[in-house]
Amino acid sequence: MEIKVLMRHGAGIREMARELGCSRNTIRRYLRETAAEQYSPRTARPTKLDPYKGYLLERIEAARPHWIPGVVLLREIQEHGYDG
């Protein structure tokens, strides 16, 4: 959705920034300008945790209906090479 449309619907600057994937200052600058520019959401960047997400999700699902403390999961992925 466009910024001005969201503004007409009563969305706040923070909400618009979150939804569109740009900074609050970008939203403010766009609202001040008269010429319309199109902003697209940012592309997702890989994180350090990405290689371990599959393993973590498997461990969490295997433990249901119980839970595994986050400290335990962190220790396990650190043993597999996670350095974050």
N, C-alpha and C. Protein backbone atom coordinates (compact mmCIF):
# COMPACT_ATOMS: atom_id res chain seq x y z
N MET A 1 0.84 -1.19 0.00
CA MET A 1 0.00 0.00 0.00
C MET A 1 0.87 1.24 0.00
N GLU A 2 0.35 2.28 -0.51
CA GLU A 2 1.08 3.53 -0.52
C GLU A 2 1.01 4.20 0.84
N ILE A 3 1.99 5.02 1.10
CA ILE A 3 2.08 5.71 2.38
C ILE A 3 0.89 6.63 2.60
N LYS A 4 0.52 7.38 1.58
CA LYS A 4 -0.60 8.33 1.75
C LYS A 4 -1.92 7.61 1.97
N VAL A 5 -2.10 6.44 1.37
CA VAL A 5 -3.32 5.66 1.58
C VAL A 5 -3.37 5.18 3.03
N LEU A 6 -2.23 4.70 3.52
CA LEU A 6 -2.17 4.26 4.92
C LEU A 6 -2.45 5.42 5.86
N MET A 7 -1.94 6.59 5.52
CA MET A 7 -2.16 7.77 6.35
C MET A 7 -3.64 8.12 6.41
N ARG A 8 -4.32 8.03 5.25
CA ARG A 8 -5.76 8.32 5.21
C ARG A 8 -6.55 7.32 6.04
N HIS A 9 -6.04 6.11 6.16
CA HIS A 9 -6.72 5.08 6.96
C HIS A 9 -6.39 5.21 8.44
N GLY A 10 -5.58 6.19 8.80
CA GLY A 10 -5.30 6.46 10.21
C GLY A 10 -4.09 5.73 10.77
N ALA A 11 -3.26 5.17 9.92
CA ALA A 11 -2.08 4.46 10.39
C ALA A 11 -1.04 5.47 10.89
N GLY A 12 -0.34 5.11 11.94
CA GLY A 12 0.72 5.96 12.46
C GLY A 12 2.01 5.78 11.67
N ILE A 13 2.95 6.68 11.89
CA ILE A 13 4.22 6.64 11.17
C ILE A 13 4.97 5.36 11.48
N ARG A 14 5.01 4.98 12.74
CA ARG A 14 5.72 3.76 13.13
C ARG A 14 5.10 2.53 12.48
N GLU A 15 3.77 2.48 12.48
CA GLU A 15 3.06 1.35 11.88
C GLU A 15 3.34 1.26 10.38
N MET A 16 3.32 2.42 9.70
CA MET A 16 3.59 2.44 8.26
C MET A 16 5.02 1.99 7.97
N ALA A 17 5.96 2.47 8.77
CA ALA A 17 7.36 2.09 8.57
C ALA A 17 7.54 0.59 8.73
N ARG A 18 6.91 0.02 9.74
CA ARG A 18 7.01 -1.41 9.98
C ARG A 18 6.40 -2.20 8.82
N GLU A 19 5.23 -1.78 8.35
CA GLU A 19 4.53 -2.50 7.29
C GLU A 19 5.26 -2.41 5.95
N LEU A 20 5.82 -1.24 5.65
CA LEU A 20 6.47 -1.04 4.36
C LEU A 20 7.95 -1.39 4.37
N GLY A 21 8.52 -1.60 5.56
CA GLY A 21 9.92 -1.98 5.64
C GLY A 21 10.89 -0.85 5.37
N CYS A 22 10.51 0.38 5.74
CA CYS A 22 11.44 1.50 5.60
C CYS A 22 11.45 2.29 6.91
N SER A 23 12.36 3.23 7.01
CA SER A 23 12.51 3.95 8.27
C SER A 23 11.39 4.97 8.49
N ARG A 24 11.21 5.37 9.74
CA ARG A 24 10.20 6.38 10.07
C ARG A 24 10.54 7.71 9.39
N ASN A 25 11.85 8.02 9.31
CA ASN A 25 12.25 9.26 8.64
C ASN A 25 11.88 9.25 7.16
N THR A 26 11.97 8.10 6.53
CA THR A 26 11.57 7.98 5.12
C THR A 26 10.08 8.26 4.99
N ILE A 27 9.29 7.73 5.91
CA ILE A 27 7.84 7.97 5.88
C ILE A 27 7.56 9.46 6.05
N ARG A 28 8.22 10.08 7.03
CA ARG A 28 8.01 11.52 7.27
C ARG A 28 8.39 12.35 6.04
N ARG A 29 9.55 12.02 5.44
CA ARG A 29 10.00 12.76 4.26
C ARG A 29 9.01 12.59 3.12
N TYR A 30 8.50 11.40 2.93
CA TYR A 30 7.54 11.15 1.86
C TYR A 30 6.25 11.94 2.09
N LEU A 31 5.80 12.01 3.34
CA LEU A 31 4.57 12.75 3.64
C LEU A 31 4.75 14.25 3.42
N ARG A 32 5.97 14.76 3.59
CA ARG A 32 6.24 16.18 3.35
C ARG A 32 6.32 16.51 1.87
N GLU A 33 6.76 15.56 1.06
CA GLU A 33 6.93 15.80 -0.38
C GLU A 33 5.59 15.80 -1.09
N THR A 34 5.54 16.50 -2.20
CA THR A 34 4.32 16.50 -3.00
C THR A 34 4.40 15.48 -4.12
N ALA A 35 5.59 15.26 -4.67
CA ALA A 35 5.75 14.26 -5.72
C ALA A 35 5.81 12.87 -5.09
N ALA A 36 5.09 11.94 -5.68
CA ALA A 36 5.00 10.60 -5.11
C ALA A 36 6.12 9.71 -5.62
N GLU A 37 6.83 9.07 -4.70
CA GLU A 37 7.83 8.06 -5.03
C GLU A 37 7.33 6.73 -4.50
N GLN A 38 7.75 5.66 -5.13
CA GLN A 38 7.36 4.33 -4.68
C GLN A 38 8.50 3.71 -3.88
N TYR A 39 8.19 3.19 -2.72
CA TYR A 39 9.16 2.49 -1.90
C TYR A 39 8.71 1.05 -1.78
N SER A 40 9.65 0.14 -1.94
CA SER A 40 9.32 -1.27 -1.81
C SER A 40 9.93 -1.80 -0.52
N PRO A 41 9.42 -2.90 -0.01
CA PRO A 41 9.98 -3.47 1.22
C PRO A 41 11.43 -3.89 1.00
N ARG A 42 12.20 -3.83 2.06
CA ARG A 42 13.60 -4.25 1.99
C ARG A 42 13.67 -5.76 1.79
N THR A 43 14.72 -6.19 1.16
CA THR A 43 14.92 -7.63 1.02
C THR A 43 15.51 -8.16 2.32
N ALA A 44 15.09 -9.34 2.68
CA ALA A 44 15.55 -9.94 3.93
C ALA A 44 17.02 -10.34 3.80
N ARG A 45 17.82 -9.98 4.79
CA ARG A 45 19.22 -10.35 4.80
C ARG A 45 19.39 -11.63 5.61
N PRO A 46 20.34 -12.47 5.23
CA PRO A 46 20.56 -13.68 6.01
C PRO A 46 21.13 -13.34 7.39
N THR A 47 20.77 -14.14 8.37
CA THR A 47 21.27 -13.94 9.73
C THR A 47 22.20 -15.08 10.11
N LYS A 48 22.91 -14.91 11.20
CA LYS A 48 23.79 -15.97 11.69
C LYS A 48 23.00 -17.21 12.10
N LEU A 49 21.75 -16.99 12.48
CA LEU A 49 20.92 -18.09 12.98
C LEU A 49 20.29 -18.91 11.86
N ASP A 50 20.24 -18.40 10.65
CA ASP A 50 19.57 -19.08 9.54
C ASP A 50 20.00 -20.54 9.35
N PRO A 51 21.30 -20.87 9.39
CA PRO A 51 21.68 -22.27 9.18
C PRO A 51 21.16 -23.21 10.28
N TYR A 52 20.77 -22.68 11.41
CA TYR A 52 20.36 -23.51 12.55
C TYR A 52 18.85 -23.51 12.77
N LYS A 53 18.10 -22.73 12.00
CA LYS A 53 16.66 -22.62 12.22
C LYS A 53 15.95 -23.95 12.04
N GLY A 54 16.33 -24.72 11.03
CA GLY A 54 15.71 -26.02 10.82
C GLY A 54 15.91 -26.93 12.01
N TYR A 55 17.13 -26.98 12.51
CA TYR A 55 17.43 -27.81 13.68
C TYR A 55 16.63 -27.36 14.89
N LEU A 56 16.57 -26.06 15.12
CA LEU A 56 15.84 -25.53 16.27
C LEU A 56 14.35 -25.85 16.18
N LEU A 57 13.77 -25.68 14.99
CA LEU A 57 12.35 -25.98 14.83
C LEU A 57 12.06 -27.46 15.05
N GLU A 58 12.95 -28.33 14.58
CA GLU A 58 12.78 -29.77 14.81
C GLU A 58 12.82 -30.08 16.30
N ARG A 59 13.78 -29.49 17.01
CA ARG A 59 13.91 -29.74 18.46
C ARG A 59 12.68 -29.25 19.21
N ILE A 60 12.16 -28.09 18.83
CA ILE A 60 10.99 -27.53 19.50
C ILE A 60 9.77 -28.41 19.24
N GLU A 61 9.59 -28.86 17.99
CA GLU A 61 8.45 -29.72 17.66
C GLU A 61 8.56 -31.06 18.36
N ALA A 62 9.76 -31.62 18.45
CA ALA A 62 9.95 -32.92 19.10
C ALA A 62 9.65 -32.86 20.59
N ALA A 63 9.82 -31.71 21.18
CA ALA A 63 9.61 -31.57 22.63
C ALA A 63 8.15 -31.34 22.99
N ARG A 64 7.30 -31.03 22.03
CA ARG A 64 5.89 -30.73 22.34
C ARG A 64 5.22 -31.91 22.99
N PRO A 65 4.37 -31.75 23.94
CA PRO A 65 3.78 -30.53 24.45
C PRO A 65 4.64 -29.84 25.51
N HIS A 66 5.82 -30.35 25.76
CA HIS A 66 6.72 -29.72 26.72
C HIS A 66 7.58 -28.69 26.00
N TRP A 67 8.45 -28.04 26.72
CA TRP A 67 9.29 -27.02 26.12
C TRP A 67 10.73 -27.25 26.52
N ILE A 68 11.62 -26.66 25.74
CA ILE A 68 13.06 -26.75 25.99
C ILE A 68 13.53 -25.32 26.28
N PRO A 69 14.24 -25.12 27.38
CA PRO A 69 14.73 -23.77 27.68
C PRO A 69 15.64 -23.25 26.56
N GLY A 70 15.58 -21.97 26.31
CA GLY A 70 16.39 -21.35 25.28
C GLY A 70 17.88 -21.52 25.51
N VAL A 71 18.28 -21.56 26.77
CA VAL A 71 19.69 -21.73 27.11
C VAL A 71 20.19 -23.09 26.61
N VAL A 72 19.34 -24.10 26.74
CA VAL A 72 19.70 -25.44 26.29
C VAL A 72 19.85 -25.46 24.76
N LEU A 73 18.89 -24.84 24.08
CA LEU A 73 18.96 -24.78 22.61
C LEU A 73 20.19 -24.01 22.15
N LEU A 74 20.50 -22.91 22.83
CA LEU A 74 21.69 -22.13 22.49
C LEU A 74 22.94 -22.98 22.66
N ARG A 75 23.03 -23.70 23.75
CA ARG A 75 24.20 -24.55 24.00
C ARG A 75 24.34 -25.61 22.90
N GLU A 76 23.21 -26.19 22.48
CA GLU A 76 23.24 -27.22 21.45
C GLU A 76 23.73 -26.67 20.11
N ILE A 77 23.24 -25.50 19.71
CA ILE A 77 23.69 -24.98 18.42
C ILE A 77 25.12 -24.45 18.50
N GLN A 78 25.55 -24.05 19.69
CA GLN A 78 26.95 -23.64 19.85
C GLN A 78 27.87 -24.85 19.66
N GLU A 79 27.39 -26.03 20.09
CA GLU A 79 28.17 -27.25 19.88
C GLU A 79 28.26 -27.60 18.39
N HIS A 80 27.28 -27.13 17.61
CA HIS A 80 27.28 -27.38 16.17
C HIS A 80 27.98 -26.26 15.40
N GLY A 81 28.57 -25.29 16.09
CA GLY A 81 29.36 -24.27 15.41
C GLY A 81 28.80 -22.86 15.43
N TYR A 82 27.65 -22.64 16.07
CA TYR A 82 27.08 -21.29 16.14
C TYR A 82 27.95 -20.43 17.02
N ASP A 83 28.33 -19.25 16.55
CA ASP A 83 29.21 -18.38 17.34
C ASP A 83 28.56 -17.05 17.71
N GLY A 84 27.26 -16.96 17.60
CA GLY A 84 26.55 -15.72 17.91
C GLY A 84 26.21 -15.56 19.35
